[in-house]
């Protein structure tokens, strides 16, 4: 195991498994929103929808808190499919 120089990531490895990089930042509301956003974008991408449909779905989703929606729209518009 090792931490990145900035302490934000943790890497672990074993003989029988590939190395895993994990987020080591404290579980703050900002990080929670970021994880929620990335999970949602991965879900939409895995459904095979084009990026334009992700943006429309994120814009129309009334269940998202506004800061989460804005972050999701930002990530989705910058995502390179």
N, C-alpha and C. Protein backbone atom coordinates (compact mmCIF):
# COMPACT_ATOMS: atom_id res chain seq x y z
N UNK A 1 0.84 -1.17 0.00
CA UNK A 1 0.00 0.00 0.00
C UNK A 1 0.88 1.24 0.00
N UNK A 2 0.37 2.28 -0.64
CA UNK A 2 1.09 3.56 -0.65
C UNK A 2 0.10 4.68 -0.94
N UNK A 3 0.36 5.83 -0.33
CA UNK A 3 -0.42 7.03 -0.59
C UNK A 3 0.27 7.85 -1.66
N UNK A 4 -0.52 8.60 -2.41
CA UNK A 4 0.06 9.53 -3.38
C UNK A 4 0.75 10.65 -2.60
N UNK A 5 1.59 11.40 -3.27
CA UNK A 5 2.34 12.48 -2.62
C UNK A 5 1.42 13.51 -1.98
N UNK A 6 0.24 13.75 -2.58
CA UNK A 6 -0.70 14.73 -2.02
C UNK A 6 -1.65 14.12 -1.00
N UNK A 7 -1.58 12.79 -0.79
CA UNK A 7 -2.41 12.13 0.19
C UNK A 7 -3.85 11.92 -0.22
N UNK A 8 -4.18 12.19 -1.48
CA UNK A 8 -5.56 12.07 -1.94
C UNK A 8 -5.92 10.71 -2.51
N UNK A 9 -4.90 9.89 -2.80
CA UNK A 9 -5.16 8.57 -3.36
C UNK A 9 -4.34 7.52 -2.62
N UNK A 10 -4.89 6.33 -2.58
CA UNK A 10 -4.24 5.19 -1.96
C UNK A 10 -4.17 4.08 -2.98
N UNK A 11 -3.01 3.47 -3.12
CA UNK A 11 -2.84 2.36 -4.06
C UNK A 11 -2.56 1.10 -3.25
N UNK A 12 -3.23 0.02 -3.62
CA UNK A 12 -2.96 -1.26 -2.97
C UNK A 12 -2.78 -2.31 -4.04
N UNK A 13 -1.95 -3.30 -3.74
CA UNK A 13 -1.69 -4.37 -4.70
C UNK A 13 -1.40 -5.65 -3.94
N UNK A 14 -1.62 -6.77 -4.62
CA UNK A 14 -1.27 -8.07 -4.05
C UNK A 14 -0.77 -8.95 -5.18
N UNK A 15 -0.24 -10.07 -4.83
CA UNK A 15 0.33 -10.98 -5.83
C UNK A 15 -0.73 -11.50 -6.79
N UNK A 16 -1.93 -11.79 -6.28
CA UNK A 16 -2.96 -12.40 -7.11
C UNK A 16 -4.02 -11.44 -7.64
N UNK A 17 -3.88 -10.14 -7.39
CA UNK A 17 -4.86 -9.16 -7.86
C UNK A 17 -4.12 -7.95 -8.46
N UNK A 18 -4.75 -7.27 -9.41
CA UNK A 18 -4.12 -6.06 -9.96
C UNK A 18 -4.13 -4.94 -8.92
N UNK A 19 -3.31 -3.96 -9.15
CA UNK A 19 -3.27 -2.80 -8.25
C UNK A 19 -4.60 -2.06 -8.32
N UNK A 20 -5.02 -1.53 -7.19
CA UNK A 20 -6.26 -0.75 -7.12
C UNK A 20 -5.94 0.63 -6.59
N UNK A 21 -6.47 1.63 -7.25
CA UNK A 21 -6.30 3.01 -6.81
C UNK A 21 -7.61 3.45 -6.18
N UNK A 22 -7.53 3.97 -4.98
CA UNK A 22 -8.73 4.39 -4.24
C UNK A 22 -8.61 5.85 -3.85
N UNK A 23 -9.75 6.48 -3.72
CA UNK A 23 -9.81 7.86 -3.27
C UNK A 23 -9.63 7.87 -1.75
N UNK A 24 -8.67 8.62 -1.24
CA UNK A 24 -8.38 8.65 0.19
C UNK A 24 -8.84 9.95 0.84
N UNK A 25 -9.58 10.77 0.09
CA UNK A 25 -10.06 12.03 0.67
C UNK A 25 -11.15 11.75 1.69
N UNK A 26 -11.32 12.64 2.67
CA UNK A 26 -12.40 12.47 3.65
C UNK A 26 -13.76 12.45 2.95
N UNK A 27 -14.70 11.70 3.50
CA UNK A 27 -16.03 11.54 2.92
C UNK A 27 -16.86 12.78 3.21
N UNK A 28 -16.59 13.86 2.51
CA UNK A 28 -17.27 15.14 2.69
C UNK A 28 -18.44 15.23 1.70
N UNK A 29 -19.39 16.15 1.94
CA UNK A 29 -20.53 16.30 1.02
C UNK A 29 -20.11 16.52 -0.43
N UNK A 30 -19.03 17.25 -0.65
CA UNK A 30 -18.55 17.51 -2.02
C UNK A 30 -18.12 16.20 -2.69
N UNK A 31 -17.41 15.36 -1.97
CA UNK A 31 -16.96 14.08 -2.52
C UNK A 31 -18.15 13.16 -2.75
N UNK A 32 -19.09 13.16 -1.83
CA UNK A 32 -20.30 12.34 -1.98
C UNK A 32 -21.05 12.73 -3.25
N UNK A 33 -21.20 14.03 -3.50
CA UNK A 33 -21.89 14.51 -4.71
C UNK A 33 -21.12 14.10 -5.97
N UNK A 34 -19.79 14.20 -5.90
CA UNK A 34 -18.98 13.81 -7.05
C UNK A 34 -19.14 12.32 -7.37
N UNK A 35 -19.15 11.49 -6.36
CA UNK A 35 -19.34 10.05 -6.56
C UNK A 35 -20.73 9.76 -7.14
N UNK A 36 -21.74 10.47 -6.63
CA UNK A 36 -23.10 10.30 -7.13
C UNK A 36 -23.16 10.64 -8.62
N UNK A 37 -22.53 11.74 -8.97
CA UNK A 37 -22.50 12.20 -10.36
C UNK A 37 -21.80 11.19 -11.26
N UNK A 38 -20.64 10.73 -10.85
CA UNK A 38 -19.89 9.80 -11.69
C UNK A 38 -20.63 8.47 -11.85
N UNK A 39 -21.28 8.01 -10.80
CA UNK A 39 -22.07 6.78 -10.89
C UNK A 39 -23.21 6.95 -11.89
N UNK A 40 -23.87 8.08 -11.83
CA UNK A 40 -24.98 8.35 -12.74
C UNK A 40 -24.49 8.41 -14.19
N UNK A 41 -23.39 9.07 -14.44
CA UNK A 41 -22.85 9.17 -15.80
C UNK A 41 -22.42 7.80 -16.31
N UNK A 42 -21.78 7.01 -15.47
CA UNK A 42 -21.40 5.65 -15.88
C UNK A 42 -22.64 4.82 -16.22
N UNK A 43 -23.69 4.95 -15.42
CA UNK A 43 -24.93 4.23 -15.68
C UNK A 43 -25.50 4.62 -17.05
N UNK A 44 -25.59 5.92 -17.32
CA UNK A 44 -26.14 6.38 -18.60
C UNK A 44 -25.27 5.92 -19.76
N UNK A 45 -23.96 5.99 -19.59
CA UNK A 45 -23.05 5.55 -20.65
C UNK A 45 -23.22 4.06 -20.92
N UNK A 46 -23.33 3.28 -19.84
CA UNK A 46 -23.46 1.83 -20.00
C UNK A 46 -24.78 1.40 -20.62
N UNK A 47 -25.76 2.30 -20.64
CA UNK A 47 -27.04 2.01 -21.29
C UNK A 47 -26.94 2.17 -22.80
N UNK A 48 -25.79 2.65 -23.28
CA UNK A 48 -25.58 2.79 -24.71
C UNK A 48 -26.17 4.06 -25.30
N UNK A 49 -26.57 4.99 -24.44
CA UNK A 49 -27.16 6.24 -24.93
C UNK A 49 -26.05 7.18 -25.41
N UNK A 50 -26.34 7.97 -26.44
CA UNK A 50 -25.36 8.97 -26.87
C UNK A 50 -25.24 10.08 -25.81
N UNK A 51 -24.14 10.77 -25.84
CA UNK A 51 -23.85 11.81 -24.86
C UNK A 51 -24.94 12.88 -24.81
N UNK A 52 -25.53 13.21 -25.94
CA UNK A 52 -26.58 14.22 -25.97
C UNK A 52 -27.79 13.79 -25.13
N UNK A 53 -28.06 12.48 -25.10
CA UNK A 53 -29.16 11.98 -24.29
C UNK A 53 -28.83 11.99 -22.80
N UNK A 54 -27.54 11.83 -22.45
CA UNK A 54 -27.13 11.94 -21.03
C UNK A 54 -27.45 13.34 -20.53
N UNK A 55 -27.05 14.32 -21.35
CA UNK A 55 -27.25 15.72 -20.96
C UNK A 55 -28.73 16.03 -20.79
N UNK A 56 -29.55 15.53 -21.72
CA UNK A 56 -31.00 15.76 -21.62
C UNK A 56 -31.58 15.08 -20.38
N UNK A 57 -31.15 13.84 -20.12
CA UNK A 57 -31.64 13.10 -18.95
C UNK A 57 -31.23 13.79 -17.66
N UNK A 58 -30.01 14.26 -17.58
CA UNK A 58 -29.53 14.95 -16.38
C UNK A 58 -30.27 16.27 -16.17
N UNK A 59 -30.52 16.98 -17.25
CA UNK A 59 -31.24 18.26 -17.15
C UNK A 59 -32.67 18.06 -16.68
N UNK A 60 -33.29 16.96 -17.09
CA UNK A 60 -34.71 16.74 -16.79
C UNK A 60 -34.94 16.01 -15.46
N UNK A 61 -33.90 15.42 -14.88
CA UNK A 61 -34.06 14.60 -13.67
C UNK A 61 -34.35 15.48 -12.44
N UNK A 62 -35.59 15.44 -11.99
CA UNK A 62 -36.02 16.26 -10.84
C UNK A 62 -35.59 15.68 -9.50
N UNK A 63 -35.03 14.48 -9.49
CA UNK A 63 -34.59 13.88 -8.23
C UNK A 63 -33.20 14.34 -7.80
N UNK A 64 -32.47 14.99 -8.72
CA UNK A 64 -31.12 15.45 -8.40
C UNK A 64 -31.16 16.79 -7.67
N UNK A 65 -30.33 16.89 -6.64
CA UNK A 65 -30.15 18.21 -6.00
C UNK A 65 -29.44 19.11 -7.01
N UNK A 66 -29.72 20.39 -6.97
CA UNK A 66 -29.20 21.31 -7.98
C UNK A 66 -27.66 21.30 -8.08
N UNK A 67 -26.92 21.30 -6.96
CA UNK A 67 -25.46 21.24 -7.11
C UNK A 67 -24.99 19.96 -7.79
N UNK A 68 -25.68 18.86 -7.51
CA UNK A 68 -25.33 17.58 -8.13
C UNK A 68 -25.65 17.64 -9.62
N UNK A 69 -26.79 18.22 -9.98
CA UNK A 69 -27.17 18.35 -11.40
C UNK A 69 -26.13 19.18 -12.15
N UNK A 70 -25.72 20.29 -11.58
CA UNK A 70 -24.75 21.16 -12.25
C UNK A 70 -23.41 20.45 -12.45
N UNK A 71 -22.98 19.74 -11.41
CA UNK A 71 -21.71 18.99 -11.51
C UNK A 71 -21.84 17.88 -12.55
N UNK A 72 -22.97 17.19 -12.57
CA UNK A 72 -23.19 16.12 -13.54
C UNK A 72 -23.19 16.66 -14.96
N UNK A 73 -23.86 17.79 -15.18
CA UNK A 73 -23.87 18.38 -16.51
C UNK A 73 -22.47 18.79 -16.95
N UNK A 74 -21.68 19.32 -16.01
CA UNK A 74 -20.31 19.70 -16.31
C UNK A 74 -19.49 18.47 -16.69
N UNK A 75 -19.53 17.42 -15.86
CA UNK A 75 -18.78 16.19 -16.16
C UNK A 75 -19.23 15.57 -17.47
N UNK A 76 -20.55 15.48 -17.67
CA UNK A 76 -21.08 14.83 -18.87
C UNK A 76 -20.71 15.59 -20.13
N UNK A 77 -20.69 16.91 -20.07
CA UNK A 77 -20.35 17.68 -21.27
C UNK A 77 -18.86 17.58 -21.59
N UNK A 78 -18.02 17.33 -20.56
CA UNK A 78 -16.56 17.20 -20.78
C UNK A 78 -16.14 15.77 -21.05
N UNK A 79 -17.04 14.80 -20.85
CA UNK A 79 -16.71 13.37 -20.98
C UNK A 79 -16.35 13.05 -22.41
N UNK A 80 -15.31 12.30 -22.57
CA UNK A 80 -14.90 11.86 -23.91
C UNK A 80 -15.33 10.41 -24.10
N UNK A 81 -16.45 10.19 -24.80
CA UNK A 81 -16.97 8.82 -25.01
C UNK A 81 -16.02 7.93 -25.77
